[in-house]
N, C-alpha and C. Protein backbone atom coordinates (compact mmCIF):
# COMPACT_ATOMS: atom_id res chain seq x y z
N UNK A 1 -127.08 -86.27 55.33
CA UNK A 1 -126.13 -85.23 55.73
C UNK A 1 -126.90 -83.96 56.04
N UNK A 2 -126.62 -83.31 57.20
CA UNK A 2 -127.34 -82.12 57.62
C UNK A 2 -127.05 -80.94 56.72
N UNK A 3 -127.96 -79.96 56.74
CA UNK A 3 -127.81 -78.79 55.87
C UNK A 3 -126.59 -77.98 56.22
N UNK A 4 -126.17 -78.01 57.50
CA UNK A 4 -125.05 -77.19 57.92
C UNK A 4 -123.72 -77.84 57.60
N UNK A 5 -123.76 -79.11 57.19
CA UNK A 5 -122.51 -79.79 56.90
C UNK A 5 -121.92 -79.30 55.59
N UNK A 6 -120.61 -79.24 55.54
CA UNK A 6 -119.90 -78.93 54.31
C UNK A 6 -118.94 -80.07 54.03
N UNK A 7 -118.64 -80.27 52.79
CA UNK A 7 -117.78 -81.37 52.40
C UNK A 7 -116.39 -81.18 52.96
N UNK A 8 -115.73 -82.26 53.24
CA UNK A 8 -114.41 -82.22 53.85
C UNK A 8 -113.37 -81.54 52.99
N UNK A 9 -113.56 -81.50 51.72
CA UNK A 9 -112.62 -80.77 50.88
C UNK A 9 -111.41 -81.59 50.45
N UNK A 10 -111.58 -82.85 50.21
CA UNK A 10 -110.48 -83.66 49.73
C UNK A 10 -110.05 -83.20 48.35
N UNK A 11 -108.76 -83.14 48.12
CA UNK A 11 -108.21 -82.78 46.83
C UNK A 11 -107.65 -84.04 46.19
N UNK A 12 -108.06 -84.30 44.98
CA UNK A 12 -107.57 -85.45 44.26
C UNK A 12 -106.51 -85.01 43.26
N UNK A 13 -105.35 -85.64 43.34
CA UNK A 13 -104.35 -85.42 42.33
C UNK A 13 -104.30 -86.69 41.49
N UNK A 14 -104.83 -86.64 40.28
CA UNK A 14 -104.97 -87.82 39.44
C UNK A 14 -103.90 -87.78 38.37
N UNK A 15 -103.02 -88.77 38.37
CA UNK A 15 -101.91 -88.76 37.43
C UNK A 15 -102.08 -89.87 36.41
N UNK A 16 -101.95 -89.53 35.13
CA UNK A 16 -101.86 -90.53 34.07
C UNK A 16 -100.38 -90.81 33.87
N UNK A 17 -99.96 -92.06 34.03
CA UNK A 17 -98.54 -92.38 34.02
C UNK A 17 -98.16 -92.97 32.68
N UNK A 18 -97.14 -92.41 32.07
CA UNK A 18 -96.70 -92.83 30.76
C UNK A 18 -95.88 -94.10 30.80
N UNK A 19 -95.46 -94.54 29.64
CA UNK A 19 -94.72 -95.80 29.51
C UNK A 19 -93.39 -95.75 30.24
N UNK A 20 -92.80 -94.57 30.40
CA UNK A 20 -91.52 -94.47 31.07
C UNK A 20 -91.68 -94.27 32.58
N UNK A 21 -92.92 -94.38 33.08
CA UNK A 21 -93.17 -94.24 34.50
C UNK A 21 -93.23 -92.81 34.98
N UNK A 22 -93.27 -91.84 34.07
CA UNK A 22 -93.35 -90.45 34.45
C UNK A 22 -94.80 -89.99 34.47
N UNK A 23 -95.16 -89.19 35.46
CA UNK A 23 -96.51 -88.68 35.56
C UNK A 23 -96.74 -87.62 34.49
N UNK A 24 -97.85 -87.76 33.76
CA UNK A 24 -98.21 -86.79 32.74
C UNK A 24 -99.66 -86.39 32.95
N UNK A 25 -100.03 -85.22 32.42
CA UNK A 25 -101.40 -84.74 32.50
C UNK A 25 -101.92 -84.73 33.95
N UNK A 26 -101.07 -84.30 34.86
CA UNK A 26 -101.47 -84.23 36.26
C UNK A 26 -102.62 -83.25 36.42
N UNK A 27 -103.68 -83.68 37.09
CA UNK A 27 -104.86 -82.84 37.27
C UNK A 27 -105.26 -82.83 38.74
N UNK A 28 -105.39 -81.64 39.27
CA UNK A 28 -105.81 -81.49 40.66
C UNK A 28 -107.23 -80.91 40.67
N UNK A 29 -108.12 -81.56 41.41
CA UNK A 29 -109.51 -81.13 41.47
C UNK A 29 -109.88 -80.78 42.90
N UNK A 30 -110.36 -79.57 43.10
CA UNK A 30 -110.85 -79.16 44.41
C UNK A 30 -112.29 -79.63 44.54
N UNK A 31 -112.56 -80.50 45.50
CA UNK A 31 -113.88 -81.10 45.61
C UNK A 31 -114.81 -80.34 46.55
N UNK A 32 -114.45 -79.13 46.95
CA UNK A 32 -115.40 -78.25 47.64
C UNK A 32 -116.24 -77.58 46.57
N UNK A 33 -117.31 -78.21 46.18
CA UNK A 33 -118.11 -77.74 45.06
C UNK A 33 -119.59 -77.73 45.43
N UNK A 34 -120.39 -77.17 44.54
CA UNK A 34 -121.83 -77.15 44.76
C UNK A 34 -122.44 -78.55 44.71
N UNK A 35 -121.65 -79.50 44.22
CA UNK A 35 -122.14 -80.86 44.04
C UNK A 35 -121.64 -81.79 45.14
N UNK A 36 -121.15 -81.22 46.26
CA UNK A 36 -120.49 -82.06 47.26
C UNK A 36 -121.39 -83.12 47.86
N UNK A 37 -122.72 -82.89 47.87
CA UNK A 37 -123.60 -83.89 48.46
C UNK A 37 -123.52 -85.22 47.73
N UNK A 38 -123.21 -85.18 46.42
CA UNK A 38 -123.10 -86.41 45.64
C UNK A 38 -121.69 -86.99 45.71
N UNK A 39 -120.73 -86.21 46.16
CA UNK A 39 -119.34 -86.66 46.20
C UNK A 39 -118.95 -87.29 47.52
N UNK A 40 -119.68 -86.99 48.57
CA UNK A 40 -119.37 -87.48 49.90
C UNK A 40 -120.62 -88.07 50.56
N UNK A 41 -120.40 -89.07 51.41
CA UNK A 41 -121.48 -89.66 52.18
C UNK A 41 -121.01 -89.88 53.61
N UNK A 42 -121.85 -89.48 54.55
CA UNK A 42 -121.58 -89.71 55.96
C UNK A 42 -122.16 -91.08 56.32
N UNK A 43 -121.32 -91.97 56.82
CA UNK A 43 -121.70 -93.37 57.02
C UNK A 43 -121.52 -93.74 58.49
N UNK A 44 -122.50 -94.47 59.05
CA UNK A 44 -122.38 -94.94 60.41
C UNK A 44 -121.21 -95.90 60.56
N UNK A 45 -120.55 -95.84 61.69
CA UNK A 45 -119.40 -96.72 61.91
C UNK A 45 -119.38 -97.19 63.36
N UNK A 46 -119.40 -98.55 63.57
CA UNK A 46 -119.57 -99.61 62.58
C UNK A 46 -120.87 -99.46 61.77
N UNK A 47 -121.01 -100.29 60.72
CA UNK A 47 -122.14 -100.08 59.80
C UNK A 47 -123.51 -100.08 60.45
N UNK A 48 -123.69 -100.76 61.60
CA UNK A 48 -125.01 -100.79 62.22
C UNK A 48 -125.27 -99.58 63.12
N UNK A 49 -124.29 -98.67 63.25
CA UNK A 49 -124.51 -97.42 63.99
C UNK A 49 -125.33 -96.46 63.15
N UNK A 50 -126.27 -95.77 63.80
CA UNK A 50 -127.10 -94.81 63.09
C UNK A 50 -126.41 -93.45 63.08
N UNK A 51 -126.37 -92.82 61.91
CA UNK A 51 -125.80 -91.48 61.80
C UNK A 51 -126.72 -90.50 62.50
N UNK A 52 -126.16 -89.62 63.35
CA UNK A 52 -126.96 -88.66 64.09
C UNK A 52 -127.31 -87.46 63.20
N UNK A 53 -128.21 -86.63 63.71
CA UNK A 53 -128.61 -85.42 63.00
C UNK A 53 -127.67 -84.25 63.25
N UNK A 54 -126.69 -84.43 64.12
CA UNK A 54 -125.75 -83.35 64.43
C UNK A 54 -124.78 -83.18 63.29
N UNK A 55 -124.68 -81.95 62.78
CA UNK A 55 -123.77 -81.66 61.67
C UNK A 55 -122.37 -81.39 62.23
N UNK A 56 -121.53 -82.42 62.27
CA UNK A 56 -120.24 -82.27 62.93
C UNK A 56 -119.06 -82.07 61.97
N UNK A 57 -119.28 -82.17 60.67
CA UNK A 57 -118.22 -81.96 59.68
C UNK A 57 -118.44 -80.62 58.99
N UNK A 58 -117.40 -79.80 58.90
CA UNK A 58 -117.52 -78.53 58.19
C UNK A 58 -116.13 -78.05 57.78
N UNK A 59 -116.12 -77.01 56.92
CA UNK A 59 -114.88 -76.43 56.44
C UNK A 59 -114.74 -75.03 57.00
N UNK A 60 -113.58 -74.71 57.53
CA UNK A 60 -113.35 -73.37 58.05
C UNK A 60 -113.45 -72.37 56.90
N UNK A 61 -114.24 -71.29 57.04
CA UNK A 61 -114.49 -70.39 55.92
C UNK A 61 -113.27 -69.57 55.50
N UNK A 62 -112.25 -69.46 56.37
CA UNK A 62 -111.08 -68.68 56.00
C UNK A 62 -109.90 -69.53 55.59
N UNK A 63 -109.66 -70.59 56.32
CA UNK A 63 -108.48 -71.43 56.02
C UNK A 63 -108.80 -72.60 55.12
N UNK A 64 -110.09 -72.93 54.97
CA UNK A 64 -110.54 -74.10 54.20
C UNK A 64 -110.03 -75.41 54.79
N UNK A 65 -109.68 -75.40 56.06
CA UNK A 65 -109.33 -76.63 56.75
C UNK A 65 -110.60 -77.40 57.10
N UNK A 66 -110.48 -78.71 57.15
CA UNK A 66 -111.63 -79.57 57.39
C UNK A 66 -111.71 -79.85 58.88
N UNK A 67 -112.80 -79.45 59.50
CA UNK A 67 -112.95 -79.60 60.94
C UNK A 67 -114.06 -80.60 61.24
N UNK A 68 -113.75 -81.56 62.07
CA UNK A 68 -114.79 -82.44 62.62
C UNK A 68 -114.91 -82.09 64.09
N UNK A 69 -116.09 -81.64 64.52
CA UNK A 69 -116.29 -81.24 65.91
C UNK A 69 -116.24 -82.41 66.88
N UNK A 70 -116.52 -83.61 66.39
CA UNK A 70 -116.47 -84.78 67.26
C UNK A 70 -117.62 -84.85 68.25
N UNK A 71 -118.73 -84.17 67.93
CA UNK A 71 -119.87 -84.14 68.85
C UNK A 71 -121.12 -84.76 68.26
N UNK A 72 -120.96 -85.48 67.17
CA UNK A 72 -122.14 -86.03 66.48
C UNK A 72 -122.13 -87.53 66.32
N UNK A 73 -121.47 -88.22 67.25
CA UNK A 73 -121.48 -89.68 67.18
C UNK A 73 -120.32 -90.24 66.38
N UNK A 74 -120.27 -91.56 66.31
CA UNK A 74 -119.18 -92.29 65.66
C UNK A 74 -119.58 -92.56 64.21
N UNK A 75 -118.87 -91.95 63.27
CA UNK A 75 -119.14 -92.18 61.85
C UNK A 75 -117.88 -91.96 61.04
N UNK A 76 -118.00 -92.16 59.73
CA UNK A 76 -116.88 -91.80 58.86
C UNK A 76 -117.41 -91.08 57.63
N UNK A 77 -116.64 -90.16 57.14
CA UNK A 77 -116.97 -89.38 55.96
C UNK A 77 -116.30 -90.05 54.77
N UNK A 78 -117.10 -90.67 53.90
CA UNK A 78 -116.58 -91.46 52.78
C UNK A 78 -116.60 -90.67 51.49
N UNK A 79 -115.47 -90.64 50.80
CA UNK A 79 -115.44 -90.09 49.46
C UNK A 79 -115.93 -91.15 48.50
N UNK A 80 -116.91 -90.81 47.64
CA UNK A 80 -117.66 -91.81 46.89
C UNK A 80 -116.99 -92.24 45.60
N UNK A 81 -115.72 -92.58 45.68
CA UNK A 81 -115.03 -93.16 44.54
C UNK A 81 -114.06 -94.19 45.06
N UNK A 82 -114.05 -95.37 44.43
CA UNK A 82 -113.08 -96.40 44.80
C UNK A 82 -111.74 -96.13 44.14
N UNK A 83 -110.67 -96.42 44.86
CA UNK A 83 -109.32 -96.30 44.32
C UNK A 83 -108.64 -97.65 44.34
N UNK A 84 -107.82 -97.88 43.33
CA UNK A 84 -107.00 -99.09 43.26
C UNK A 84 -105.61 -98.77 43.81
N UNK A 85 -104.65 -98.55 42.93
CA UNK A 85 -103.32 -98.17 43.38
C UNK A 85 -103.26 -96.65 43.58
N UNK A 86 -102.70 -96.22 44.69
CA UNK A 86 -102.74 -94.79 44.98
C UNK A 86 -101.71 -94.42 46.05
N UNK A 87 -101.45 -93.11 46.13
CA UNK A 87 -100.71 -92.50 47.23
C UNK A 87 -101.63 -91.46 47.85
N UNK A 88 -101.92 -91.58 49.13
CA UNK A 88 -102.89 -90.74 49.82
C UNK A 88 -102.16 -89.95 50.90
N UNK A 89 -102.19 -88.62 50.78
CA UNK A 89 -101.55 -87.73 51.75
C UNK A 89 -102.61 -87.03 52.57
N UNK A 90 -102.44 -87.01 53.90
CA UNK A 90 -103.38 -86.33 54.79
C UNK A 90 -102.62 -85.71 55.95
N UNK A 91 -102.97 -84.47 56.28
CA UNK A 91 -102.39 -83.81 57.45
C UNK A 91 -103.50 -83.55 58.46
N UNK A 92 -103.19 -83.68 59.76
CA UNK A 92 -104.22 -83.59 60.77
C UNK A 92 -103.62 -83.12 62.11
N UNK A 93 -104.48 -82.54 62.93
CA UNK A 93 -104.11 -82.22 64.31
C UNK A 93 -105.36 -82.19 65.18
N UNK A 94 -105.22 -82.62 66.42
CA UNK A 94 -106.30 -82.53 67.38
C UNK A 94 -106.31 -81.16 68.02
N UNK A 95 -107.50 -80.70 68.41
CA UNK A 95 -107.62 -79.50 69.23
C UNK A 95 -107.26 -79.88 70.66
N UNK A 96 -106.23 -79.22 71.20
CA UNK A 96 -105.75 -79.58 72.54
C UNK A 96 -106.76 -79.19 73.60
N UNK A 97 -107.01 -80.11 74.53
CA UNK A 97 -107.88 -79.84 75.67
C UNK A 97 -107.13 -80.16 76.96
N UNK A 98 -107.67 -79.71 78.09
CA UNK A 98 -107.01 -79.91 79.36
C UNK A 98 -106.99 -81.37 79.76
N UNK A 99 -106.02 -81.71 80.58
CA UNK A 99 -105.89 -83.07 81.06
C UNK A 99 -105.11 -83.94 80.10
N UNK A 100 -105.31 -85.25 80.21
CA UNK A 100 -104.63 -86.21 79.34
C UNK A 100 -105.66 -87.10 78.65
N UNK A 101 -106.47 -86.52 77.76
CA UNK A 101 -107.52 -87.29 77.10
C UNK A 101 -106.93 -88.30 76.11
N UNK A 102 -107.69 -89.33 75.85
CA UNK A 102 -107.28 -90.33 74.87
C UNK A 102 -107.81 -89.92 73.50
N UNK A 103 -107.13 -88.91 72.89
CA UNK A 103 -107.55 -88.41 71.58
C UNK A 103 -107.70 -89.58 70.62
N UNK A 104 -108.73 -89.51 69.77
CA UNK A 104 -108.99 -90.64 68.89
C UNK A 104 -109.68 -90.18 67.61
N UNK A 105 -109.19 -90.66 66.48
CA UNK A 105 -109.79 -90.47 65.17
C UNK A 105 -109.03 -91.38 64.23
N UNK A 106 -109.16 -91.16 62.92
CA UNK A 106 -108.44 -92.00 61.99
C UNK A 106 -108.65 -91.61 60.55
N UNK A 107 -107.80 -92.16 59.69
CA UNK A 107 -107.88 -91.97 58.26
C UNK A 107 -108.10 -93.34 57.62
N UNK A 108 -109.21 -93.49 56.88
CA UNK A 108 -109.56 -94.78 56.30
C UNK A 108 -109.05 -94.93 54.87
N UNK A 109 -108.84 -96.18 54.48
CA UNK A 109 -108.47 -96.50 53.10
C UNK A 109 -108.84 -97.96 52.85
N UNK A 110 -109.00 -98.31 51.58
CA UNK A 110 -109.35 -99.68 51.20
C UNK A 110 -110.59 -100.17 51.95
N UNK A 111 -111.54 -99.27 52.25
CA UNK A 111 -112.78 -99.67 52.90
C UNK A 111 -113.79 -100.16 51.89
N UNK A 112 -114.68 -101.06 52.32
CA UNK A 112 -115.84 -101.37 51.52
C UNK A 112 -116.82 -100.22 51.61
N UNK A 113 -117.84 -100.23 50.76
CA UNK A 113 -118.75 -99.09 50.67
C UNK A 113 -119.43 -98.77 51.99
N UNK A 114 -119.80 -99.83 52.76
CA UNK A 114 -120.48 -99.59 54.03
C UNK A 114 -119.54 -99.68 55.23
N UNK A 115 -118.26 -99.94 54.98
CA UNK A 115 -117.29 -99.99 56.06
C UNK A 115 -117.20 -101.33 56.78
N UNK A 116 -117.83 -102.37 56.26
CA UNK A 116 -117.70 -103.69 56.89
C UNK A 116 -116.24 -104.16 56.81
N UNK A 117 -115.65 -104.05 55.62
CA UNK A 117 -114.22 -104.22 55.48
C UNK A 117 -113.58 -102.85 55.65
N UNK A 118 -112.60 -102.74 56.57
CA UNK A 118 -112.03 -101.42 56.82
C UNK A 118 -110.55 -101.53 57.20
N UNK A 119 -109.85 -100.50 56.81
CA UNK A 119 -108.42 -100.37 57.12
C UNK A 119 -108.22 -98.92 57.56
N UNK A 120 -107.54 -98.74 58.67
CA UNK A 120 -107.42 -97.40 59.22
C UNK A 120 -105.99 -97.10 59.65
N UNK A 121 -105.58 -95.85 59.38
CA UNK A 121 -104.37 -95.30 59.97
C UNK A 121 -104.82 -94.58 61.24
N UNK A 122 -104.45 -95.11 62.37
CA UNK A 122 -104.91 -94.59 63.65
C UNK A 122 -104.21 -93.28 63.99
N UNK A 123 -104.96 -92.36 64.60
CA UNK A 123 -104.41 -91.07 65.02
C UNK A 123 -104.59 -90.94 66.53
N UNK A 124 -103.61 -91.38 67.29
CA UNK A 124 -103.67 -91.28 68.75
C UNK A 124 -102.28 -90.95 69.28
N UNK A 125 -102.20 -90.44 70.52
CA UNK A 125 -100.88 -90.20 71.12
C UNK A 125 -100.04 -91.48 71.21
N UNK A 126 -100.71 -92.64 71.23
CA UNK A 126 -99.99 -93.90 71.32
C UNK A 126 -99.31 -94.32 70.03
N UNK A 127 -99.49 -93.53 68.98
CA UNK A 127 -98.80 -93.85 67.72
C UNK A 127 -99.71 -93.79 66.52
N UNK A 128 -99.11 -93.59 65.35
CA UNK A 128 -99.80 -93.74 64.10
C UNK A 128 -99.48 -95.12 63.56
N UNK A 129 -100.51 -95.95 63.41
CA UNK A 129 -100.30 -97.33 62.99
C UNK A 129 -101.55 -97.81 62.26
N UNK A 130 -101.43 -98.99 61.62
CA UNK A 130 -102.51 -99.55 60.83
C UNK A 130 -103.23 -100.64 61.61
N UNK A 131 -104.56 -100.64 61.50
CA UNK A 131 -105.35 -101.73 62.05
C UNK A 131 -106.67 -101.79 61.30
N UNK A 132 -107.46 -102.83 61.53
CA UNK A 132 -108.73 -102.93 60.84
C UNK A 132 -109.24 -104.35 60.76
N UNK A 133 -110.10 -104.60 59.79
CA UNK A 133 -110.63 -105.94 59.50
C UNK A 133 -110.57 -106.15 58.01
N UNK A 134 -109.78 -107.14 57.60
CA UNK A 134 -109.54 -107.39 56.18
C UNK A 134 -109.81 -108.86 55.87
N UNK A 135 -110.25 -109.20 54.66
CA UNK A 135 -110.50 -110.60 54.33
C UNK A 135 -109.23 -111.44 54.29
N UNK A 136 -109.25 -112.56 54.98
CA UNK A 136 -108.16 -113.54 54.93
C UNK A 136 -108.80 -114.89 54.65
N UNK A 137 -108.47 -115.47 53.50
CA UNK A 137 -109.07 -116.73 53.08
C UNK A 137 -110.60 -116.67 53.11
N UNK A 138 -111.12 -115.50 52.67
CA UNK A 138 -112.56 -115.33 52.55
C UNK A 138 -113.27 -114.97 53.84
N UNK A 139 -112.54 -114.76 54.95
CA UNK A 139 -113.14 -114.43 56.23
C UNK A 139 -112.56 -113.13 56.75
N UNK A 140 -113.45 -112.21 57.20
CA UNK A 140 -112.97 -110.97 57.78
C UNK A 140 -112.15 -111.26 59.03
N UNK A 141 -110.94 -110.71 59.06
CA UNK A 141 -110.01 -110.99 60.15
C UNK A 141 -109.45 -109.68 60.70
N UNK A 142 -109.52 -109.53 62.02
CA UNK A 142 -109.01 -108.31 62.65
C UNK A 142 -107.49 -108.35 62.71
N UNK A 143 -106.88 -107.17 62.55
CA UNK A 143 -105.43 -107.05 62.70
C UNK A 143 -105.12 -105.72 63.37
N UNK A 144 -103.97 -105.66 64.04
CA UNK A 144 -103.54 -104.44 64.72
C UNK A 144 -102.02 -104.41 64.69
N UNK A 145 -101.47 -103.38 64.01
CA UNK A 145 -100.02 -103.30 63.81
C UNK A 145 -99.34 -102.32 64.78
N UNK A 146 -99.99 -101.98 65.88
CA UNK A 146 -99.37 -101.03 66.81
C UNK A 146 -98.02 -101.56 67.33
N UNK A 147 -97.98 -102.84 67.69
CA UNK A 147 -96.74 -103.40 68.23
C UNK A 147 -95.67 -103.52 67.18
N UNK A 148 -96.08 -103.51 65.91
CA UNK A 148 -95.11 -103.68 64.83
C UNK A 148 -94.65 -102.37 64.21
N UNK A 149 -95.19 -101.23 64.66
CA UNK A 149 -94.74 -99.96 64.09
C UNK A 149 -93.28 -99.73 64.50
N UNK A 150 -92.50 -99.17 63.60
CA UNK A 150 -91.07 -99.02 63.85
C UNK A 150 -90.79 -98.04 64.98
N UNK A 151 -91.63 -97.01 65.12
CA UNK A 151 -91.50 -96.05 66.20
C UNK A 151 -92.78 -95.21 66.26
N UNK A 152 -92.97 -94.57 67.41
CA UNK A 152 -94.10 -93.64 67.56
C UNK A 152 -93.63 -92.27 67.13
N UNK A 153 -94.16 -91.79 65.98
CA UNK A 153 -93.73 -90.51 65.41
C UNK A 153 -94.81 -89.43 65.51
N UNK A 154 -95.85 -89.68 66.32
CA UNK A 154 -96.95 -88.73 66.46
C UNK A 154 -96.53 -87.53 67.31
N UNK A 155 -96.87 -86.35 66.83
CA UNK A 155 -96.63 -85.12 67.58
C UNK A 155 -97.80 -84.85 68.52
N UNK A 156 -97.59 -84.08 69.59
CA UNK A 156 -98.65 -83.84 70.57
C UNK A 156 -99.85 -83.10 69.98
N UNK A 157 -100.98 -83.21 70.69
CA UNK A 157 -102.19 -82.48 70.29
C UNK A 157 -101.88 -81.00 70.14
N UNK A 158 -102.45 -80.40 69.10
CA UNK A 158 -102.18 -79.01 68.77
C UNK A 158 -101.15 -78.83 67.69
N UNK A 159 -100.37 -79.88 67.38
CA UNK A 159 -99.37 -79.83 66.32
C UNK A 159 -99.82 -80.67 65.13
N UNK A 160 -99.37 -80.27 63.94
CA UNK A 160 -99.75 -80.98 62.72
C UNK A 160 -98.93 -82.26 62.55
N UNK A 161 -99.62 -83.30 62.08
CA UNK A 161 -98.99 -84.57 61.69
C UNK A 161 -99.32 -84.83 60.23
N UNK A 162 -98.46 -85.59 59.56
CA UNK A 162 -98.68 -85.96 58.16
C UNK A 162 -98.66 -87.46 58.02
N UNK A 163 -99.71 -87.99 57.38
CA UNK A 163 -99.80 -89.40 57.01
C UNK A 163 -99.66 -89.54 55.50
N UNK A 164 -98.88 -90.52 55.08
CA UNK A 164 -98.79 -90.88 53.66
C UNK A 164 -99.06 -92.37 53.55
N UNK A 165 -100.19 -92.71 52.95
CA UNK A 165 -100.61 -94.10 52.78
C UNK A 165 -100.45 -94.45 51.31
N UNK A 166 -99.72 -95.51 51.05
CA UNK A 166 -99.44 -95.92 49.67
C UNK A 166 -99.87 -97.37 49.50
N UNK A 167 -100.73 -97.63 48.51
CA UNK A 167 -101.24 -98.98 48.26
C UNK A 167 -100.96 -99.37 46.82
N UNK A 168 -100.29 -100.50 46.64
CA UNK A 168 -100.05 -101.11 45.35
C UNK A 168 -100.53 -102.55 45.44
N UNK A 169 -101.62 -102.87 44.75
CA UNK A 169 -102.21 -104.19 44.90
C UNK A 169 -102.70 -104.35 46.33
N UNK A 170 -102.30 -105.45 46.98
CA UNK A 170 -102.72 -105.69 48.34
C UNK A 170 -101.70 -105.22 49.37
N UNK A 171 -100.60 -104.60 48.92
CA UNK A 171 -99.57 -104.12 49.83
C UNK A 171 -99.78 -102.64 50.12
N UNK A 172 -99.89 -102.30 51.40
CA UNK A 172 -100.09 -100.90 51.80
C UNK A 172 -99.08 -100.52 52.87
N UNK A 173 -98.56 -99.31 52.79
CA UNK A 173 -97.63 -98.79 53.78
C UNK A 173 -98.18 -97.50 54.37
N UNK A 174 -97.78 -97.23 55.61
CA UNK A 174 -98.10 -95.97 56.28
C UNK A 174 -96.81 -95.30 56.69
N UNK A 175 -96.63 -94.06 56.20
CA UNK A 175 -95.52 -93.23 56.67
C UNK A 175 -96.10 -92.13 57.55
N UNK A 176 -95.48 -91.91 58.71
CA UNK A 176 -95.90 -90.88 59.65
C UNK A 176 -94.81 -89.82 59.72
N UNK A 177 -95.18 -88.60 59.37
CA UNK A 177 -94.22 -87.49 59.39
C UNK A 177 -92.92 -87.84 58.67
N UNK A 178 -93.09 -88.49 57.52
CA UNK A 178 -91.97 -88.67 56.61
C UNK A 178 -91.26 -90.01 56.65
N UNK A 179 -91.63 -90.93 57.59
CA UNK A 179 -90.97 -92.23 57.66
C UNK A 179 -92.00 -93.35 57.76
N UNK A 180 -91.75 -94.43 57.03
CA UNK A 180 -92.65 -95.59 57.04
C UNK A 180 -92.60 -96.27 58.41
N UNK A 181 -93.77 -96.51 58.97
CA UNK A 181 -93.85 -97.18 60.28
C UNK A 181 -94.52 -98.55 60.21
N UNK A 182 -95.35 -98.80 59.19
CA UNK A 182 -96.06 -100.08 59.04
C UNK A 182 -96.17 -100.44 57.58
N UNK A 183 -96.14 -101.76 57.31
CA UNK A 183 -96.45 -102.32 56.00
C UNK A 183 -97.38 -103.51 56.22
N UNK A 184 -98.48 -103.58 55.47
CA UNK A 184 -99.43 -104.68 55.63
C UNK A 184 -99.82 -105.25 54.28
N UNK A 185 -100.39 -106.45 54.33
CA UNK A 185 -101.03 -107.08 53.18
C UNK A 185 -102.53 -107.09 53.45
N UNK A 186 -103.30 -106.41 52.61
CA UNK A 186 -104.75 -106.41 52.76
C UNK A 186 -105.34 -107.53 51.93
N UNK A 187 -106.59 -107.84 52.23
CA UNK A 187 -107.28 -108.88 51.47
C UNK A 187 -108.05 -108.33 50.29
N UNK A 188 -107.86 -107.04 49.98
CA UNK A 188 -108.54 -106.39 48.85
C UNK A 188 -107.56 -105.49 48.14
N UNK A 189 -107.85 -105.20 46.86
CA UNK A 189 -106.94 -104.34 46.10
C UNK A 189 -107.62 -103.05 45.63
N UNK A 190 -108.75 -102.72 46.24
CA UNK A 190 -109.42 -101.45 45.95
C UNK A 190 -110.33 -101.11 47.11
N UNK A 191 -110.81 -99.87 47.14
CA UNK A 191 -111.72 -99.47 48.20
C UNK A 191 -111.85 -97.97 48.30
N UNK A 192 -112.53 -97.53 49.36
CA UNK A 192 -112.83 -96.12 49.56
C UNK A 192 -111.93 -95.52 50.64
N UNK A 193 -111.69 -94.21 50.52
CA UNK A 193 -110.98 -93.47 51.56
C UNK A 193 -111.98 -92.64 52.34
N UNK A 194 -111.58 -92.23 53.54
CA UNK A 194 -112.48 -91.41 54.35
C UNK A 194 -111.82 -90.97 55.64
N UNK A 195 -112.59 -90.26 56.46
CA UNK A 195 -112.11 -89.68 57.71
C UNK A 195 -113.06 -90.10 58.83
N UNK A 196 -112.51 -90.31 60.02
CA UNK A 196 -113.32 -90.80 61.14
C UNK A 196 -113.61 -89.73 62.17
N UNK A 197 -114.82 -89.79 62.73
CA UNK A 197 -115.19 -89.00 63.90
C UNK A 197 -115.33 -89.95 65.09
N UNK A 198 -114.63 -89.62 66.20
CA UNK A 198 -114.75 -90.48 67.37
C UNK A 198 -114.64 -89.69 68.67
N UNK A 199 -115.35 -88.56 68.73
CA UNK A 199 -115.52 -87.88 70.00
C UNK A 199 -114.55 -86.78 70.33
N UNK A 200 -113.62 -86.46 69.41
CA UNK A 200 -112.68 -85.37 69.67
C UNK A 200 -112.62 -84.45 68.46
N UNK A 201 -112.42 -83.17 68.72
CA UNK A 201 -112.32 -82.23 67.61
C UNK A 201 -110.97 -82.42 66.92
N UNK A 202 -111.01 -82.60 65.61
CA UNK A 202 -109.81 -82.83 64.82
C UNK A 202 -109.94 -82.04 63.52
N UNK A 203 -108.81 -81.52 63.05
CA UNK A 203 -108.77 -80.74 61.82
C UNK A 203 -107.91 -81.48 60.81
N UNK A 204 -108.39 -81.55 59.57
CA UNK A 204 -107.65 -82.17 58.47
C UNK A 204 -107.35 -81.11 57.42
N UNK A 205 -106.24 -81.27 56.73
CA UNK A 205 -105.91 -80.36 55.64
C UNK A 205 -105.03 -81.09 54.63
N UNK A 206 -104.87 -80.48 53.45
CA UNK A 206 -103.96 -80.98 52.41
C UNK A 206 -104.19 -82.46 52.11
N UNK A 207 -105.45 -82.83 51.88
CA UNK A 207 -105.79 -84.20 51.55
C UNK A 207 -105.66 -84.39 50.04
N UNK A 208 -104.80 -85.29 49.63
CA UNK A 208 -104.55 -85.52 48.21
C UNK A 208 -104.45 -87.02 47.93
N UNK A 209 -105.04 -87.44 46.84
CA UNK A 209 -104.90 -88.80 46.36
C UNK A 209 -104.33 -88.77 44.96
N UNK A 210 -103.20 -89.44 44.78
CA UNK A 210 -102.60 -89.57 43.45
C UNK A 210 -102.78 -91.00 43.00
N UNK A 211 -103.50 -91.20 41.92
CA UNK A 211 -103.71 -92.56 41.40
C UNK A 211 -102.45 -93.04 40.70
N UNK A 212 -102.09 -94.30 40.94
CA UNK A 212 -100.87 -94.88 40.43
C UNK A 212 -101.21 -96.03 39.49
N UNK A 213 -100.29 -96.37 38.58
CA UNK A 213 -100.55 -97.47 37.64
C UNK A 213 -100.57 -98.83 38.36
């Protein structure tokens, strides 16, 4: 990770759930810390891609929003902790540019450490939907749920969108701007979360993970 890079600033909301199913001892941790180099890793994507020396991830010094310039190659920013059952909230918007570009990025979940197994909530004008490569009967199998999304709820570039990804065991759902659009069965019940860079400037904010029983 380059010296100019700053951590994406993911906020973890970790809940200990009591016997009655109520969240207790809720703890929120701001991960923009002096120790961020150990908390985050920039990983080539796909895994055989080499991470460039361009520092394309940083935090806005006034708003603390997470900005990816999209000028440093194809990679993902991985938070270095695996999650089992969780609810993951992320808000994002593309920087609007002239013309009709094919804006592209994504929010990862249930990834393996190097990203060989990956699940992504896609962020494009064509819709927010789930796709990736997940184990099926011991073999990595590609899937794409764009045709199965209930509706395209993505707002235009320049406007904020909200993703809520919820995983219980191997069942994961994606809600876009408040409504579920996809439900999938993954071949894994744990993994890493992260953010994707794919050639366009995108801003992320209000990233929270709540661990569930």
